[in-house]
Amino acid sequence: MADILQADHAPANMRNAYLTLQQIYGEEAIPLILGTEMHGGKTDMVQIEVGKDQMMLCLTDSGANKTGTGNYHKVPEKYTSSAPFFVLGHEFGHIVAHPGKDSKYWIEGMKELPVEAYQKGRWLNAISDILVNWTVITGTTVLADNQRDAVKEQMLNGWRAGQFIRRCNTEKGFHAHRQLLEDGKLQDNRYQPKGGLVGQYDNGNPKDKYEPTAMTPFYQKYIGHGRGEQYYPPINYCVAKGMPDNWRRVKCLKDTDGLKKGKKYIVSGTKTYDNRENSEEFEPIKEYKIDGKWVSARLFESLCPQCGHKAITIWDNWWNYMPKEEREARVAAQGTWTYLLIQMFAFEWAMAYSSLIPLGNRKINREAGEAFLGMIADDMDAVMRGR
């Protein structure tokens, strides 16, 4: 069972965002709890618990170490500052929007789903997430009209960041970052306490201040190379900004158009689903230009600009190529709700292009969202069939 910590173990920006959202949604009695496992956020309508993975998205500074920027690297500030608002806002959304505090809705709603009993909860939660995200990023349940526009912008940017920030979080990646730091090849972005040295902790071991104790704030243990996930902008942003090759490097997942599985390549161009080239926006990308050829982006795995290991986005996790046998094995192990999650991403972006974000030169309306679904349909079919 996960350890549960009080809010003061969370970073200041997360605590401040939480206090703001309590006021905005009129839910001052709902406390924030910090979980120590990698399980994302959740709520039981009485409290909000945020997992280690979500907490790390809020690590945007390195304490007294002013050369460090937390775990973020070249990610635009509008996304890093918005991350804690959406992380927390989504869970508030389950409370104030859908399904609210009506447990009867959950019970009766689950009964109506035509799937196995053990999957009903996951299916309804996926459906709920779509509705909650729309409610949160459109500011529908914000109490004060004069706060709605500011909240919408924060939530929208936080939602986009959550989907398209690249994350270096594998064991190989952690090990490589620790080694690169020891070798002096990376700028040290670990936490620094006031009056202490970079890499030390508040309330550290008196005999070795580089060793945390039970009194050390939990979030400090995950700031910096080798300690926590490191975050980078998506490939298309790096292409648009003309960043060096290491920021645009990918690995081929399947032989395609002369490009070989397992080989690493440099992306020189990108296309959105409506064929805009080299967009810097955090949004779905259809194709990469590699060695002069336009190829499906989902056939390539993005790599960490600093260590070269796997560093994919949440979108990649659900939409990248996976062999049919592997896809079917995952569904057999986890349930058919995983298909619904794949579709959820497409329908969420249809929602965004319909009401918040322009799809190229199209007007922001329902027709734009429907057009996007038509554009992405072939890829969605390929993802679900494992091809």
Protein backbone atom coordinates (compact mmCIF):
# COMPACT_ATOMS: atom_id res chain seq x y z
CA MET A 1 0.00 0.00 0.00
CA ALA A 2 1.29 3.48 -0.83
CA ASP A 3 2.44 5.80 1.92
CA ILE A 4 0.28 8.90 2.25
CA LEU A 5 1.88 12.26 2.97
CA GLN A 6 0.45 15.64 3.85
CA ALA A 7 0.45 18.57 1.44
CA ASP A 8 3.61 20.17 2.87
CA HIS A 9 5.61 17.36 1.22
CA ALA A 10 4.49 18.75 -2.17
CA PRO A 11 6.34 21.61 -3.95
CA ALA A 12 5.21 25.18 -3.26
CA ASN A 13 3.76 25.75 -6.74
CA MET A 14 1.54 22.70 -6.36
CA ARG A 15 0.34 23.83 -2.92
CA ASN A 16 -0.34 27.35 -4.18
CA ALA A 17 -2.23 26.05 -7.22
CA TYR A 18 -4.30 23.85 -4.93
CA LEU A 19 -5.29 26.75 -2.68
CA THR A 20 -6.25 28.78 -5.74
CA LEU A 21 -8.37 25.98 -7.17
CA GLN A 22 -10.09 25.37 -3.84
CA GLN A 23 -11.32 28.97 -3.96
CA ILE A 24 -12.19 28.93 -7.67
CA TYR A 25 -14.29 25.76 -7.38
CA GLY A 26 -15.72 26.52 -3.93
CA GLU A 27 -14.28 23.31 -2.44
CA GLU A 28 -12.23 24.68 0.47
CA ALA A 29 -12.91 21.60 2.62
CA ILE A 30 -11.27 19.14 0.20
CA PRO A 31 -7.69 18.39 1.42
CA LEU A 32 -4.66 17.55 -0.75
CA ILE A 33 -2.87 14.27 -0.04
CA LEU A 34 0.40 13.22 -1.68
CA GLY A 35 0.81 9.55 -2.57
CA THR A 36 4.27 8.00 -2.94
CA GLU A 37 3.56 5.60 -5.81
CA MET A 38 3.44 6.11 -9.59
CA HIS A 39 -0.34 5.97 -9.93
CA GLY A 40 -1.42 9.40 -11.11
CA GLY A 41 -4.10 11.46 -9.38
CA LYS A 42 -7.37 10.22 -7.93
CA THR A 43 -10.20 11.37 -5.71
CA ASP A 44 -12.79 9.66 -3.55
CA MET A 45 -14.83 12.89 -3.44
CA VAL A 46 -13.60 13.49 0.13
CA GLN A 47 -9.93 14.24 -0.59
CA ILE A 48 -7.64 14.56 -3.60
CA GLU A 49 -4.58 12.34 -3.83
CA VAL A 50 -1.79 13.06 -6.31
CA GLY A 51 0.78 10.40 -7.12
CA LYS A 52 4.54 10.72 -7.49
CA ASP A 53 4.34 10.86 -11.28
CA GLN A 54 1.95 13.82 -11.22
CA MET A 55 3.90 15.57 -8.47
CA MET A 56 7.11 15.41 -10.53
CA LEU A 57 5.41 17.38 -13.33
CA CYS A 58 5.29 20.30 -10.88
CA LEU A 59 9.04 20.35 -10.14
CA THR A 60 9.95 23.57 -11.93
CA ASP A 61 12.75 24.93 -9.74
CA SER A 62 15.77 23.62 -7.85
CA GLY A 63 15.50 25.57 -4.60
CA ALA A 64 18.53 27.76 -3.92
CA ASN A 65 20.21 26.29 -7.01
CA LYS A 66 19.32 29.11 -9.41
CA THR A 67 21.10 27.53 -12.39
CA GLY A 68 18.66 24.63 -12.21
CA THR A 69 15.11 24.74 -13.60
CA GLY A 70 13.73 21.76 -11.76
CA ASN A 71 13.31 18.78 -14.08
CA TYR A 72 12.36 20.82 -17.17
CA HIS A 73 14.66 21.50 -20.12
CA LYS A 74 13.73 24.07 -22.79
CA VAL A 75 10.00 23.57 -22.25
CA PRO A 76 8.17 26.91 -22.72
CA GLU A 77 7.27 28.58 -19.44
CA LYS A 78 3.56 28.72 -20.27
CA TYR A 79 3.50 24.93 -20.09
CA THR A 80 5.68 24.44 -17.02
CA SER A 81 3.73 27.01 -14.99
CA SER A 82 0.40 25.46 -15.99
CA ALA A 83 1.29 21.85 -15.19
CA PRO A 84 0.21 21.92 -11.50
CA PHE A 85 -3.10 23.57 -12.37
CA PHE A 86 -4.22 20.82 -14.73
CA VAL A 87 -2.78 18.01 -12.58
CA LEU A 88 -4.97 19.20 -9.72
CA GLY A 89 -7.79 20.69 -11.76
CA HIS A 90 -8.59 17.34 -13.35
CA GLU A 91 -9.22 15.78 -9.93
CA PHE A 92 -11.33 18.75 -8.82
CA GLY A 93 -13.25 18.19 -12.05
CA HIS A 94 -14.32 14.74 -10.92
CA ILE A 95 -15.75 16.37 -7.81
CA VAL A 96 -17.45 19.46 -9.24
CA ALA A 97 -18.38 18.33 -12.74
CA HIS A 98 -18.88 14.68 -13.60
CA PRO A 99 -20.01 12.51 -11.98
CA GLY A 100 -19.92 14.82 -9.00
CA LYS A 101 -20.59 13.42 -5.57
CA ASP A 102 -23.43 11.18 -6.72
CA SER A 103 -22.18 7.64 -6.04
CA LYS A 104 -25.54 6.30 -7.29
CA TYR A 105 -24.61 7.57 -10.78
CA TRP A 106 -21.44 5.47 -10.76
CA ILE A 107 -23.23 2.32 -9.63
CA GLU A 108 -26.12 2.61 -12.07
CA GLY A 109 -23.93 3.86 -14.91
CA MET A 110 -21.53 0.95 -14.62
CA LYS A 111 -24.39 -1.56 -14.73
CA GLU A 112 -25.41 -0.25 -18.16
CA LEU A 113 -22.01 -0.81 -19.81
CA PRO A 114 -21.98 -3.94 -22.03
CA VAL A 115 -18.59 -5.22 -20.82
CA GLU A 116 -17.33 -7.74 -18.26
CA ALA A 117 -18.02 -6.79 -14.66
CA TYR A 118 -14.32 -6.40 -13.77
CA GLN A 119 -13.90 -3.82 -16.56
CA LYS A 120 -16.97 -1.68 -15.92
CA GLY A 121 -15.23 0.68 -13.50
CA ARG A 122 -12.31 1.34 -15.85
CA TRP A 123 -14.63 1.95 -18.81
CA LEU A 124 -16.76 4.44 -16.90
CA ASN A 125 -13.67 6.19 -15.56
CA ALA A 126 -12.35 6.62 -19.11
CA ILE A 127 -15.67 8.08 -20.25
CA SER A 128 -15.70 10.33 -17.20
CA ASP A 129 -12.17 11.57 -17.94
CA ILE A 130 -13.24 12.85 -21.36
CA LEU A 131 -16.13 14.82 -19.87
CA VAL A 132 -14.10 16.05 -16.92
CA ASN A 133 -11.23 17.28 -19.10
CA TRP A 134 -13.63 19.21 -21.31
CA THR A 135 -15.32 20.75 -18.27
CA VAL A 136 -11.98 21.72 -16.70
CA ILE A 137 -10.26 23.24 -19.73
CA THR A 138 -13.35 25.21 -20.75
CA GLY A 139 -13.77 26.63 -17.24
CA THR A 140 -17.40 25.51 -17.16
CA THR A 141 -17.62 25.08 -13.39
CA VAL A 142 -15.53 28.11 -12.36
CA LEU A 143 -17.69 30.08 -9.93
CA ALA A 144 -16.52 33.63 -10.76
CA ASP A 145 -16.95 34.85 -14.34
CA ASN A 146 -13.96 37.20 -14.05
CA GLN A 147 -11.66 34.24 -13.32
CA ARG A 148 -12.84 31.94 -16.11
CA ASP A 149 -10.59 33.12 -18.97
CA ALA A 150 -7.40 32.93 -16.89
CA VAL A 151 -8.31 29.48 -15.61
CA LYS A 152 -9.15 28.24 -19.13
CA GLU A 153 -5.71 29.28 -20.41
CA GLN A 154 -3.89 27.64 -17.50
CA MET A 155 -5.89 24.42 -17.80
CA LEU A 156 -5.57 24.21 -21.57
CA ASN A 157 -1.79 24.67 -21.47
CA GLY A 158 -1.48 22.18 -18.61
CA TRP A 159 -3.54 19.60 -20.52
CA ARG A 160 -1.38 20.03 -23.63
CA ALA A 161 1.81 19.80 -21.57
CA GLY A 162 0.65 16.60 -19.90
CA GLN A 163 0.11 14.93 -23.26
CA PHE A 164 3.14 16.15 -25.21
CA ILE A 165 6.06 16.69 -22.86
CA ARG A 166 8.72 14.04 -23.46
CA ARG A 167 9.65 12.13 -20.31
CA CYS A 168 12.97 10.42 -19.66
CA ASN A 169 11.90 8.01 -16.94
CA THR A 170 13.31 4.54 -17.68
CA GLU A 171 15.81 2.79 -15.42
CA LYS A 172 18.41 3.07 -18.17
CA GLY A 173 17.66 6.77 -18.42
CA PHE A 174 18.00 7.38 -14.67
CA HIS A 175 21.30 5.51 -14.60
CA ALA A 176 22.63 7.39 -17.63
CA HIS A 177 21.71 10.78 -16.14
CA ARG A 178 23.44 9.94 -12.87
CA GLN A 179 26.57 8.90 -14.75
CA LEU A 180 26.56 11.94 -17.02
CA LEU A 181 26.19 14.17 -13.97
CA GLU A 182 29.10 12.45 -12.21
CA ASP A 183 31.19 12.86 -15.36
CA GLY A 184 30.47 16.59 -15.42
CA LYS A 185 28.62 16.40 -18.74
CA LEU A 186 25.31 17.79 -17.46
CA GLN A 187 24.49 20.96 -15.58
CA ASP A 188 23.58 19.98 -12.03
CA ASN A 189 19.87 20.69 -11.51
CA ARG A 190 19.45 18.89 -8.19
CA TYR A 191 17.80 20.64 -5.25
CA GLN A 192 19.88 22.97 -3.09
CA PRO A 193 18.74 23.96 0.42
CA LYS A 194 19.32 27.48 1.72
CA GLY A 195 22.84 27.64 3.11
CA GLY A 196 23.63 24.19 1.73
CA LEU A 197 25.19 22.73 -1.37
CA VAL A 198 23.66 21.50 -4.62
CA GLY A 199 22.43 17.93 -4.15
CA GLN A 200 21.85 18.24 -0.42
CA TYR A 201 18.41 18.20 1.23
CA ASP A 202 16.42 20.09 3.80
CA ASN A 203 16.46 18.02 7.00
CA GLY A 204 19.07 15.72 5.50
CA ASN A 205 21.08 13.17 7.44
CA PRO A 206 23.34 15.19 9.82
CA LYS A 207 26.22 12.85 8.97
CA ASP A 208 25.64 13.05 5.22
CA LYS A 209 23.40 15.87 4.00
CA TYR A 210 23.26 14.30 0.53
CA GLU A 211 21.11 11.58 2.11
CA PRO A 212 17.44 12.41 2.81
CA THR A 213 15.59 11.48 5.97
CA ALA A 214 11.95 10.91 6.84
CA MET A 215 11.77 14.64 7.62
CA THR A 216 12.99 15.68 4.18
CA PRO A 217 10.11 17.05 2.04
CA PHE A 218 9.18 14.26 -0.35
CA TYR A 219 9.40 16.34 -3.53
CA GLN A 220 13.08 17.25 -2.97
CA LYS A 221 14.10 13.62 -3.46
CA TYR A 222 12.98 13.76 -7.10
CA ILE A 223 14.53 17.01 -8.32
CA GLY A 224 17.46 16.66 -10.68
CA HIS A 225 19.33 14.30 -12.96
CA GLY A 226 19.28 10.72 -11.74
CA ARG A 227 16.67 11.50 -9.10
CA GLY A 228 13.48 12.30 -11.01
CA GLU A 229 11.95 12.24 -14.45
CA GLN A 230 13.43 14.80 -16.84
CA TYR A 231 11.14 16.69 -19.22
CA TYR A 232 11.68 17.97 -22.76
CA PRO A 233 9.51 19.55 -25.48
CA PRO A 234 8.07 17.31 -28.22
CA ILE A 235 9.96 16.58 -31.44
CA ASN A 236 7.83 18.95 -33.55
CA TYR A 237 8.63 21.91 -31.25
CA CYS A 238 12.35 21.12 -31.45
CA VAL A 239 12.15 20.97 -35.25
CA ALA A 240 10.24 24.26 -35.46
CA LYS A 241 12.84 25.96 -33.23
CA GLY A 242 15.79 24.57 -35.21
CA MET A 243 17.25 22.83 -32.18
CA PRO A 244 20.40 20.61 -32.48
CA ASP A 245 20.25 17.04 -33.76
CA ASN A 246 20.17 15.43 -30.33
CA TRP A 247 16.84 17.19 -29.63
CA ARG A 248 15.34 15.77 -32.83
CA ARG A 249 16.60 12.18 -32.62
CA VAL A 250 14.18 9.22 -32.84
CA LYS A 251 14.40 5.43 -33.11
CA CYS A 252 12.53 3.49 -35.80
CA LEU A 253 10.01 0.97 -34.41
CA LYS A 254 9.12 -0.73 -37.70
CA ASP A 255 10.73 -0.94 -41.14
CA THR A 256 9.16 1.72 -43.35
CA ASP A 257 10.09 3.23 -46.72
CA GLY A 258 13.72 2.13 -46.51
CA LEU A 259 14.14 3.20 -42.86
CA LYS A 260 15.16 0.30 -40.61
CA LYS A 261 13.73 -0.89 -37.31
CA GLY A 262 16.06 -0.14 -34.38
CA LYS A 263 18.09 2.49 -36.24
CA LYS A 264 18.22 6.07 -35.00
CA TYR A 265 17.38 9.02 -37.23
CA ILE A 266 17.15 12.82 -37.13
CA VAL A 267 13.79 14.46 -37.83
CA SER A 268 14.04 17.45 -40.19
CA GLY A 269 10.34 18.26 -40.62
CA THR A 270 6.91 17.51 -39.19
CA LYS A 271 3.27 17.61 -40.32
CA THR A 272 0.08 17.93 -38.33
CA TYR A 273 -3.01 15.93 -39.33
CA ASP A 274 -4.21 18.88 -41.44
CA ASN A 275 -0.77 18.98 -43.15
CA ARG A 276 0.67 22.12 -41.53
CA GLU A 277 4.44 21.80 -41.62
CA ASN A 278 6.76 22.41 -38.67
CA SER A 279 4.13 23.54 -36.16
CA GLU A 280 5.62 24.41 -32.77
CA GLU A 281 2.33 23.84 -30.98
CA PHE A 282 1.91 20.99 -28.52
CA GLU A 283 -0.59 19.00 -30.62
CA PRO A 284 -0.93 15.66 -32.48
CA ILE A 285 1.65 15.10 -35.23
CA LYS A 286 0.94 12.86 -38.22
CA GLU A 287 4.28 12.62 -40.03
CA TYR A 288 8.01 13.16 -39.67
CA LYS A 289 10.39 14.06 -42.48
CA ILE A 290 13.42 11.76 -42.22
CA ASP A 291 16.11 11.40 -44.86
CA GLY A 292 13.92 13.41 -47.23
CA LYS A 293 10.90 11.07 -46.81
CA TRP A 294 7.56 11.77 -45.12
CA VAL A 295 6.78 8.82 -42.80
CA SER A 296 4.22 8.11 -40.09
CA ALA A 297 5.35 9.68 -36.80
CA ARG A 298 3.82 6.83 -34.80
CA LEU A 299 6.42 4.43 -36.23
CA PHE A 300 9.19 6.24 -34.33
CA GLU A 301 10.13 6.49 -30.66
CA SER A 302 11.45 9.83 -29.42
CA LEU A 303 14.72 9.81 -27.47
CA CYS A 304 16.09 11.83 -24.59
CA PRO A 305 18.17 14.78 -25.88
CA GLN A 306 20.65 14.37 -23.01
CA CYS A 307 21.15 10.62 -22.51
CA GLY A 308 19.78 9.17 -25.76
CA HIS A 309 17.44 6.66 -24.13
CA LYS A 310 13.68 6.34 -24.61
CA ALA A 311 11.79 9.54 -23.75
CA ILE A 312 8.25 9.40 -25.07
CA THR A 313 5.13 11.47 -24.47
CA ILE A 314 1.82 10.27 -23.03
CA TRP A 315 0.39 10.50 -26.55
CA ASP A 316 3.23 8.27 -27.81
CA ASN A 317 2.52 5.74 -25.08
CA TRP A 318 -0.96 5.15 -26.46
CA TRP A 319 -0.50 5.88 -30.16
CA ASN A 320 2.96 4.63 -31.13
CA TYR A 321 3.27 1.46 -33.18
CA MET A 322 3.02 -1.80 -31.28
CA PRO A 323 3.03 -5.23 -32.99
CA LYS A 324 -0.38 -6.90 -33.14
CA GLU A 325 0.64 -9.73 -30.80
CA GLU A 326 1.93 -7.24 -28.21
CA ARG A 327 -1.20 -5.09 -28.49
CA GLU A 328 -3.47 -8.11 -28.03
CA ALA A 329 -1.41 -9.30 -25.07
CA ARG A 330 -1.76 -5.90 -23.40
CA VAL A 331 -5.51 -5.89 -23.95
CA ALA A 332 -5.77 -9.44 -22.60
CA ALA A 333 -3.84 -8.46 -19.48
CA GLN A 334 -5.41 -5.05 -18.84
CA GLY A 335 -8.83 -5.18 -20.48
CA THR A 336 -10.62 -3.76 -23.51
CA TRP A 337 -10.87 -0.35 -21.82
CA THR A 338 -7.38 0.29 -23.27
CA TYR A 339 -9.02 0.62 -26.69
CA LEU A 340 -11.29 3.28 -25.23
CA LEU A 341 -8.28 5.24 -23.94
CA ILE A 342 -6.81 5.29 -27.45
CA GLN A 343 -10.06 6.72 -28.76
CA MET A 344 -10.28 9.12 -25.83
CA PHE A 345 -7.21 11.03 -27.01
CA ALA A 346 -8.67 11.48 -30.51
CA PHE A 347 -12.04 12.64 -29.22
CA GLU A 348 -10.45 15.02 -26.71
CA TRP A 349 -8.54 16.70 -29.52
CA ALA A 350 -11.69 16.83 -31.62
CA MET A 351 -13.24 18.64 -28.67
CA ALA A 352 -10.28 21.04 -28.45
CA TYR A 353 -10.34 21.87 -32.17
CA SER A 354 -14.12 22.37 -31.91
CA SER A 355 -14.09 24.79 -29.01
CA LEU A 356 -10.63 26.07 -28.04
CA ILE A 357 -7.76 25.62 -30.52
CA PRO A 358 -7.78 26.45 -34.25
CA LEU A 359 -7.12 23.53 -36.60
CA GLY A 360 -4.98 25.43 -39.07
CA ASN A 361 -7.09 28.08 -40.85
CA ARG A 362 -10.41 26.48 -39.94
CA LYS A 363 -12.90 28.21 -37.71
CA ILE A 364 -13.15 26.90 -34.19
CA ASN A 365 -16.41 24.98 -34.43
CA ARG A 366 -17.92 21.50 -34.47
CA GLU A 367 -17.03 21.01 -38.13
CA ALA A 368 -13.32 21.42 -37.32
CA GLY A 369 -13.50 18.70 -34.68
CA GLU A 370 -15.33 16.37 -37.03
CA ALA A 371 -12.76 17.07 -39.75
CA PHE A 372 -9.95 16.14 -37.36
CA LEU A 373 -11.62 12.81 -36.56
CA GLY A 374 -11.73 12.08 -40.27
CA MET A 375 -8.04 12.97 -40.63
CA ILE A 376 -6.90 10.76 -37.76
CA ALA A 377 -9.25 7.82 -38.42
CA ASP A 378 -6.78 5.71 -40.41
CA ASP A 379 -4.09 6.07 -37.76
CA MET A 380 -6.55 5.21 -35.00
CA ASP A 381 -7.56 2.07 -36.88
CA ALA A 382 -3.88 1.14 -37.31
CA VAL A 383 -3.14 1.69 -33.62
CA MET A 384 -6.02 -0.49 -32.48
CA ARG A 385 -5.19 -3.26 -34.95
CA GLY A 386 -1.46 -3.25 -34.16
CA ARG A 387 -0.20 -2.32 -37.62
